[in-house]
């Protein structure tokens, strides 16, 4: 005898109560969204977290607290009707290990000379962190061109233009301005004989996708990890940028003036591994540099007055900035990735490379 089978509708409803009209999330028909199941409530209700907002949905589905699900908006008039599409893609140990391995080599990784796509190299150079002068467009270019938003940009284009005559030209323009889009286009049109030469590009595209999945899972905590290229003479290497905008589920993190925390982690050619942690509120900031030894700390410390002067020149007020002889784990290439994983309460991973 087969037992334990639960049959239910794949739909759930968020009721529009008259006294709570403004508490409903702003959703559009046919929109695909992800939600986290916070807890199960009596009478077939469940509390969900959608776009940083807590809502109560009526459902017959068997769901688990902590589970993340993919939903489609069927209707958003009087009530919001959602359809369960499936569980959100999980971040596997293999994917996380792959990201750690991406930064584990002191040489340029990946070997961008092996990416046989001209425009990819041009985009990498355009996004790369350079030491000659400040670049105010560094972060916007990194977000827009690194492939992190590729699927979202394509979805917006398709939903906004339907089948208009100019959509092909607009899609071609998007492809030229996005690393992941460039690689996917080249891979889709490659003949079998050329595909071997595109192995590095395919691996790089997979790495970008793993970063997308990692950031998706940590988005409710307001933290995002971005790899950024560094151009040094004739080669590229990659550093890490962790942006922490605060937990979306906490009311005090919804205000315009909130604390932003940034962490850089990169391997300097002469100074060795360097990590910088800064906290910024409006245009006031404090920070610290974590370095491999005392001599390197003293050298960087001697440069701090100049750094403060430069920050003052762009209207930033730097308070305390210190240098610390770091523990090895604090400046290891996996430290920022582990920060995102350890704070997730649904899993703990041991990463071995």
Protein backbone atom coordinates (compact mmCIF):
# COMPACT_ATOMS: atom_id res chain seq x y z
CA UNK A 1 0.00 0.00 0.00
CA UNK A 2 1.26 3.47 -0.89
CA UNK A 3 0.75 6.06 1.86
CA UNK A 4 1.94 9.55 2.70
CA UNK A 5 0.83 11.15 -0.57
CA UNK A 6 -0.41 14.72 -0.27
CA UNK A 7 -2.39 16.15 -3.21
CA UNK A 8 -2.99 19.91 -3.34
CA UNK A 9 -3.32 22.85 -5.67
CA UNK A 10 -0.06 24.49 -6.78
CA UNK A 11 -1.60 27.92 -6.13
CA UNK A 12 -1.45 30.15 -3.07
CA UNK A 13 -3.28 33.41 -2.32
CA UNK A 14 -2.27 36.61 -0.56
CA UNK A 15 -5.54 38.29 0.44
CA UNK A 16 -6.01 42.02 0.01
CA UNK A 17 -7.48 43.06 3.34
CA UNK A 18 -8.96 46.57 3.32
CA UNK A 19 -7.00 47.74 6.34
CA UNK A 20 -3.72 46.38 4.98
CA UNK A 21 -3.76 47.46 1.35
CA UNK A 22 -0.33 49.02 1.56
CA UNK A 23 1.28 45.90 2.99
CA UNK A 24 1.00 43.90 -0.25
CA UNK A 25 4.19 43.51 -2.28
CA UNK A 26 4.35 45.34 -5.61
CA UNK A 27 4.10 42.52 -8.14
CA UNK A 28 3.10 42.24 -11.80
CA UNK A 29 1.13 39.57 -13.63
CA UNK A 30 3.34 36.76 -15.06
CA UNK A 31 6.29 37.97 -12.97
CA UNK A 32 8.59 35.24 -11.68
CA UNK A 33 9.64 35.73 -8.06
CA UNK A 34 11.44 33.80 -5.36
CA UNK A 35 10.17 33.56 -1.79
CA UNK A 36 11.50 32.18 1.46
CA UNK A 37 9.16 30.25 3.76
CA UNK A 38 9.63 31.86 7.18
CA UNK A 39 7.13 29.81 9.19
CA UNK A 40 3.92 27.80 8.94
CA UNK A 41 0.77 29.27 10.51
CA UNK A 42 -2.60 27.79 11.58
CA UNK A 43 -5.51 27.23 9.15
CA UNK A 44 -3.35 26.53 6.11
CA UNK A 45 -1.39 29.79 6.12
CA UNK A 46 2.32 30.37 5.69
CA UNK A 47 4.47 33.43 6.28
CA UNK A 48 6.64 34.20 3.25
CA UNK A 49 9.43 36.66 2.61
CA UNK A 50 9.03 38.26 -0.84
CA UNK A 51 11.38 41.04 -1.96
CA UNK A 52 12.33 41.71 1.66
CA UNK A 53 8.67 41.98 2.75
CA UNK A 54 6.85 39.56 5.06
CA UNK A 55 3.40 38.43 3.85
CA UNK A 56 0.89 35.73 4.82
CA UNK A 57 -0.33 33.42 2.07
CA UNK A 58 -3.18 30.90 2.11
CA UNK A 59 -1.92 27.57 0.75
CA UNK A 60 -2.54 23.84 0.87
CA UNK A 61 1.03 23.12 -0.14
CA UNK A 62 3.33 21.26 2.22
CA UNK A 63 6.29 23.58 2.70
CA UNK A 64 9.18 23.68 5.14
CA UNK A 65 10.38 26.72 7.12
CA UNK A 66 13.63 27.96 5.57
CA UNK A 67 12.73 26.58 2.14
CA UNK A 68 13.08 28.86 -0.88
CA UNK A 69 10.56 28.51 -3.68
CA UNK A 70 10.02 29.90 -7.16
CA UNK A 71 6.59 31.42 -7.80
CA UNK A 72 4.73 32.91 -10.77
CA UNK A 73 2.22 35.75 -10.35
CA UNK A 74 -1.09 34.68 -11.92
CA UNK A 75 -3.14 37.66 -10.75
CA UNK A 76 -2.49 40.83 -8.76
CA UNK A 77 -5.87 42.59 -8.60
CA UNK A 78 -8.05 42.13 -5.52
CA UNK A 79 -5.87 39.30 -4.24
CA UNK A 80 -2.42 38.18 -5.31
CA UNK A 81 -2.58 34.63 -6.71
CA UNK A 82 0.72 32.80 -7.00
CA UNK A 83 1.60 29.48 -8.58
CA UNK A 84 4.40 27.26 -7.29
CA UNK A 85 6.92 26.57 -10.06
CA UNK A 86 9.45 24.68 -7.99
CA UNK A 87 12.19 25.00 -5.40
CA UNK A 88 14.82 27.69 -5.94
CA UNK A 89 18.10 26.40 -7.32
CA UNK A 90 20.28 25.19 -4.47
CA UNK A 91 23.87 26.28 -3.96
CA UNK A 92 25.86 23.04 -3.96
CA UNK A 93 29.16 22.25 -2.27
CA UNK A 94 30.67 21.73 -5.70
CA UNK A 95 29.64 25.22 -6.84
CA UNK A 96 31.04 26.86 -3.72
CA UNK A 97 34.28 24.91 -4.02
CA UNK A 98 34.50 26.06 -7.63
CA UNK A 99 34.25 29.71 -6.54
CA UNK A 100 36.93 29.25 -3.90
CA UNK A 101 39.13 27.56 -6.50
CA UNK A 102 38.63 30.53 -8.83
CA UNK A 103 40.70 32.67 -6.44
CA UNK A 104 43.05 29.96 -5.16
CA UNK A 105 45.89 30.53 -7.65
CA UNK A 106 48.24 33.50 -7.27
CA UNK A 107 48.65 33.70 -11.03
CA UNK A 108 46.12 35.33 -13.35
CA UNK A 109 42.93 33.30 -13.23
CA UNK A 110 41.30 32.37 -15.40
CA UNK A 111 43.85 32.54 -18.24
CA UNK A 112 42.01 35.23 -20.19
CA UNK A 113 44.35 34.73 -23.14
CA UNK A 114 42.44 31.46 -23.55
CA UNK A 115 39.12 33.27 -23.95
CA UNK A 116 38.99 33.48 -27.73
CA UNK A 117 36.35 36.19 -27.76
CA UNK A 118 37.74 39.63 -28.48
CA UNK A 119 34.93 41.67 -26.93
CA UNK A 120 35.20 39.77 -23.61
CA UNK A 121 38.79 40.95 -23.17
CA UNK A 122 37.75 44.52 -24.02
CA UNK A 123 34.96 44.39 -21.42
CA UNK A 124 37.34 42.97 -18.80
CA UNK A 125 39.80 45.77 -19.43
CA UNK A 126 37.03 48.38 -19.26
CA UNK A 127 35.84 47.02 -15.88
CA UNK A 128 39.31 46.39 -14.47
CA UNK A 129 40.54 48.15 -11.35
CA UNK A 130 43.50 50.30 -12.33
CA UNK A 131 45.87 52.13 -10.01
CA UNK A 132 46.62 55.25 -12.05
CA UNK A 133 43.55 57.33 -11.14
CA UNK A 134 40.16 57.04 -9.36
CA UNK A 135 37.31 55.61 -11.39
CA UNK A 136 33.87 56.78 -10.21
CA UNK A 137 32.16 54.42 -12.66
CA UNK A 138 34.00 51.30 -11.40
CA UNK A 139 31.11 49.79 -9.40
CA UNK A 140 28.31 50.61 -11.91
CA UNK A 141 30.37 49.10 -14.76
CA UNK A 142 31.13 46.04 -12.65
CA UNK A 143 27.46 45.41 -11.91
CA UNK A 144 26.20 46.14 -15.43
CA UNK A 145 28.85 44.37 -17.52
CA UNK A 146 30.03 41.43 -15.41
CA UNK A 147 27.16 39.09 -16.33
CA UNK A 148 25.57 39.26 -12.86
CA UNK A 149 22.38 40.82 -14.28
CA UNK A 150 22.34 39.14 -17.71
CA UNK A 151 19.08 37.19 -17.36
CA UNK A 152 17.30 40.15 -15.74
CA UNK A 153 18.34 42.50 -18.57
CA UNK A 154 17.13 40.06 -21.23
CA UNK A 155 13.83 39.52 -19.39
CA UNK A 156 13.20 43.26 -19.15
CA UNK A 157 13.91 43.66 -22.85
CA UNK A 158 11.58 40.85 -23.90
CA UNK A 159 8.75 41.85 -21.57
CA UNK A 160 9.01 45.53 -22.47
CA UNK A 161 9.17 45.20 -26.25
CA UNK A 162 7.13 42.10 -27.04
CA UNK A 163 8.04 41.39 -30.68
CA UNK A 164 8.84 44.93 -31.85
CA UNK A 165 11.00 45.26 -35.02
CA UNK A 166 13.95 46.80 -33.15
CA UNK A 167 14.26 44.06 -30.54
CA UNK A 168 17.06 42.23 -32.39
CA UNK A 169 19.23 45.35 -32.50
CA UNK A 170 18.60 45.99 -28.81
CA UNK A 171 19.50 42.40 -27.96
CA UNK A 172 22.72 42.68 -30.00
CA UNK A 173 23.59 45.82 -28.05
CA UNK A 174 23.01 44.00 -24.74
CA UNK A 175 25.26 41.15 -25.92
CA UNK A 176 28.10 43.55 -26.69
CA UNK A 177 27.86 45.15 -23.24
CA UNK A 178 27.75 42.00 -21.09
CA UNK A 179 30.51 39.41 -20.55
CA UNK A 180 28.18 36.47 -19.94
CA UNK A 181 25.99 37.43 -22.91
CA UNK A 182 29.06 37.59 -25.16
CA UNK A 183 30.26 34.16 -24.11
CA UNK A 184 26.83 32.52 -24.43
CA UNK A 185 26.38 33.96 -27.92
CA UNK A 186 29.78 32.64 -29.01
CA UNK A 187 29.16 29.21 -27.50
CA UNK A 188 25.71 28.88 -29.07
CA UNK A 189 27.07 29.62 -32.54
CA UNK A 190 30.30 27.63 -32.30
CA UNK A 191 30.86 24.63 -34.54
CA UNK A 192 32.24 21.43 -32.93
CA UNK A 193 35.76 22.12 -34.17
CA UNK A 194 35.89 25.53 -32.49
CA UNK A 195 34.32 24.54 -29.19
CA UNK A 196 37.59 23.09 -27.84
CA UNK A 197 39.16 26.55 -28.14
CA UNK A 198 36.28 28.02 -26.12
CA UNK A 199 36.70 25.75 -23.08
CA UNK A 200 38.16 28.55 -20.94
CA UNK A 201 35.33 30.88 -21.91
CA UNK A 202 32.73 28.22 -21.04
CA UNK A 203 34.36 27.63 -17.64
CA UNK A 204 34.41 31.38 -16.98
CA UNK A 205 30.71 31.64 -17.85
CA UNK A 206 29.93 28.81 -15.41
CA UNK A 207 31.88 30.63 -12.70
CA UNK A 208 29.84 33.80 -13.28
CA UNK A 209 26.65 31.75 -13.00
CA UNK A 210 27.84 30.28 -9.69
CA UNK A 211 28.36 33.82 -8.38
CA UNK A 212 24.81 34.66 -9.47
CA UNK A 213 23.42 31.69 -7.52
CA UNK A 214 25.48 32.58 -4.43
CA UNK A 215 24.27 36.19 -4.52
CA UNK A 216 20.68 35.08 -5.02
CA UNK A 217 20.82 33.00 -1.84
CA UNK A 218 22.34 35.83 0.19
CA UNK A 219 20.19 38.63 -1.27
CA UNK A 220 17.75 38.76 1.68
CA UNK A 221 20.68 39.50 3.97
CA UNK A 222 21.57 42.43 1.72
CA UNK A 223 25.02 41.09 0.85
CA UNK A 224 26.52 40.57 -2.58
CA UNK A 225 29.93 39.25 -3.64
CA UNK A 226 31.36 40.43 -6.95
CA UNK A 227 34.62 39.34 -8.59
CA UNK A 228 36.41 42.27 -10.21
CA UNK A 229 39.26 42.15 -12.75
CA UNK A 230 42.60 43.79 -12.01
CA UNK A 231 44.80 44.75 -14.92
CA UNK A 232 48.51 44.48 -14.20
CA UNK A 233 50.90 45.07 -17.10
CA UNK A 234 49.70 42.50 -19.67
CA UNK A 235 47.65 40.13 -17.49
CA UNK A 236 44.36 40.00 -15.60
CA UNK A 237 43.83 38.68 -12.12
CA UNK A 238 40.70 38.90 -9.99
CA UNK A 239 39.85 40.42 -6.63
CA UNK A 240 36.68 40.22 -4.55
CA UNK A 241 34.24 42.91 -3.47
CA UNK A 242 31.68 42.17 -0.75
CA UNK A 243 28.88 44.74 -0.46
CA UNK A 244 26.70 44.62 2.67
CA UNK A 245 23.65 46.91 2.54
CA UNK A 246 21.97 45.45 5.63
CA UNK A 247 19.35 42.79 6.25
CA UNK A 248 16.25 43.55 4.13
CA UNK A 249 13.97 41.94 6.71
CA UNK A 250 14.85 44.48 9.42
CA UNK A 251 12.86 47.71 9.45
CA UNK A 252 15.82 49.89 10.45
CA UNK A 253 17.60 48.86 7.24
CA UNK A 254 14.89 50.25 4.95
CA UNK A 255 15.80 53.91 5.56
CA UNK A 256 17.65 55.95 2.95
CA UNK A 257 20.52 56.79 5.30
CA UNK A 258 21.83 53.39 6.30
CA UNK A 259 25.19 51.89 7.03
CA UNK A 260 26.98 50.34 4.05
CA UNK A 261 29.84 47.94 4.63
CA UNK A 262 32.41 47.11 1.95
CA UNK A 263 35.21 44.55 1.93
CA UNK A 264 37.92 44.26 -0.71
CA UNK A 265 40.12 41.19 -0.96
CA UNK A 266 42.93 40.99 -3.50
CA UNK A 267 46.45 39.72 -3.94
CA UNK A 268 48.89 42.59 -4.49
CA UNK A 269 51.98 41.84 -6.58
CA UNK A 270 54.41 43.17 -3.93
CA UNK A 271 52.39 43.54 -0.73
CA UNK A 272 50.84 40.08 -0.89
CA UNK A 273 47.21 39.42 0.16
CA UNK A 274 45.35 42.54 1.27
CA UNK A 275 41.89 42.89 2.73
CA UNK A 276 40.16 46.21 3.39
CA UNK A 277 36.98 46.49 5.49
CA UNK A 278 35.17 49.85 5.48
CA UNK A 279 31.91 51.08 7.00
CA UNK A 280 30.23 54.08 5.37
CA UNK A 281 27.33 56.17 6.71
CA UNK A 282 26.44 58.99 4.33
CA UNK A 283 29.94 60.32 3.62
CA UNK A 284 31.59 59.42 6.91
CA UNK A 285 33.69 56.29 7.05
CA UNK A 286 35.94 54.12 9.20
CA UNK A 287 38.03 51.19 8.10
CA UNK A 288 40.94 48.85 8.46
CA UNK A 289 43.52 47.11 6.29
CA UNK A 290 44.43 43.50 7.05
CA UNK A 291 47.88 42.49 5.81
CA UNK A 292 50.27 39.55 5.99
CA UNK A 293 52.99 40.92 8.30
CA UNK A 294 54.12 43.84 10.46
CA UNK A 295 56.46 45.38 7.86
CA UNK A 296 53.68 45.52 5.26
CA UNK A 297 51.36 47.07 7.87
CA UNK A 298 53.90 49.83 8.61
CA UNK A 299 54.24 50.63 4.90
CA UNK A 300 50.48 50.83 4.33
CA UNK A 301 50.07 52.81 7.55
CA UNK A 302 52.46 55.45 6.18
CA UNK A 303 50.10 55.90 3.20
CA UNK A 304 46.94 56.47 5.27
CA UNK A 305 47.36 60.30 5.61
CA UNK A 306 47.46 60.55 1.81
CA UNK A 307 44.38 58.30 1.57
CA UNK A 308 42.46 60.56 3.98
CA UNK A 309 43.45 63.63 1.95
CA UNK A 310 42.21 61.98 -1.25
CA UNK A 311 38.94 60.99 0.39
CA UNK A 312 38.47 64.56 1.66
CA UNK A 313 38.93 65.72 -1.93
CA UNK A 314 35.76 63.86 -2.91
CA UNK A 315 33.88 65.01 0.23
CA UNK A 316 34.35 61.83 2.30
CA UNK A 317 35.30 62.26 5.95
CA UNK A 318 37.57 59.44 7.06
CA UNK A 319 37.71 58.82 10.80
CA UNK A 320 39.76 55.95 12.19
CA UNK A 321 41.64 53.87 9.61
CA UNK A 322 43.98 51.23 10.99
CA UNK A 323 46.32 48.50 9.77
CA UNK A 324 46.28 45.03 11.31
CA UNK A 325 48.65 42.10 11.03
CA UNK A 326 45.96 39.63 9.99
CA UNK A 327 45.33 36.04 10.88
CA UNK A 328 45.88 33.81 7.86
CA UNK A 329 42.20 32.85 7.66
CA UNK A 330 41.13 36.51 7.50
CA UNK A 331 43.02 37.16 4.24
CA UNK A 332 42.58 33.72 2.70
CA UNK A 333 40.95 33.74 -0.74
CA UNK A 334 37.91 31.89 0.69
CA UNK A 335 37.25 34.27 3.61
CA UNK A 336 34.60 36.49 1.99
CA UNK A 337 32.81 33.53 0.40
CA UNK A 338 32.72 31.80 3.78
CA UNK A 339 31.25 34.96 5.33
CA UNK A 340 28.19 34.62 3.11
CA UNK A 341 27.83 30.90 3.76
CA UNK A 342 28.40 30.80 7.52
CA UNK A 343 25.67 33.35 8.22
CA UNK A 344 23.09 31.31 6.36
CA UNK A 345 21.22 29.39 9.03
CA UNK A 346 20.18 26.51 6.77
CA UNK A 347 23.58 24.94 6.11
CA UNK A 348 27.21 24.74 7.13
CA UNK A 349 29.85 23.62 4.63
CA UNK A 350 33.43 22.53 5.00
CA UNK A 351 35.36 23.59 1.90
CA UNK A 352 38.49 21.69 0.98
CA UNK A 353 40.53 22.59 -2.11
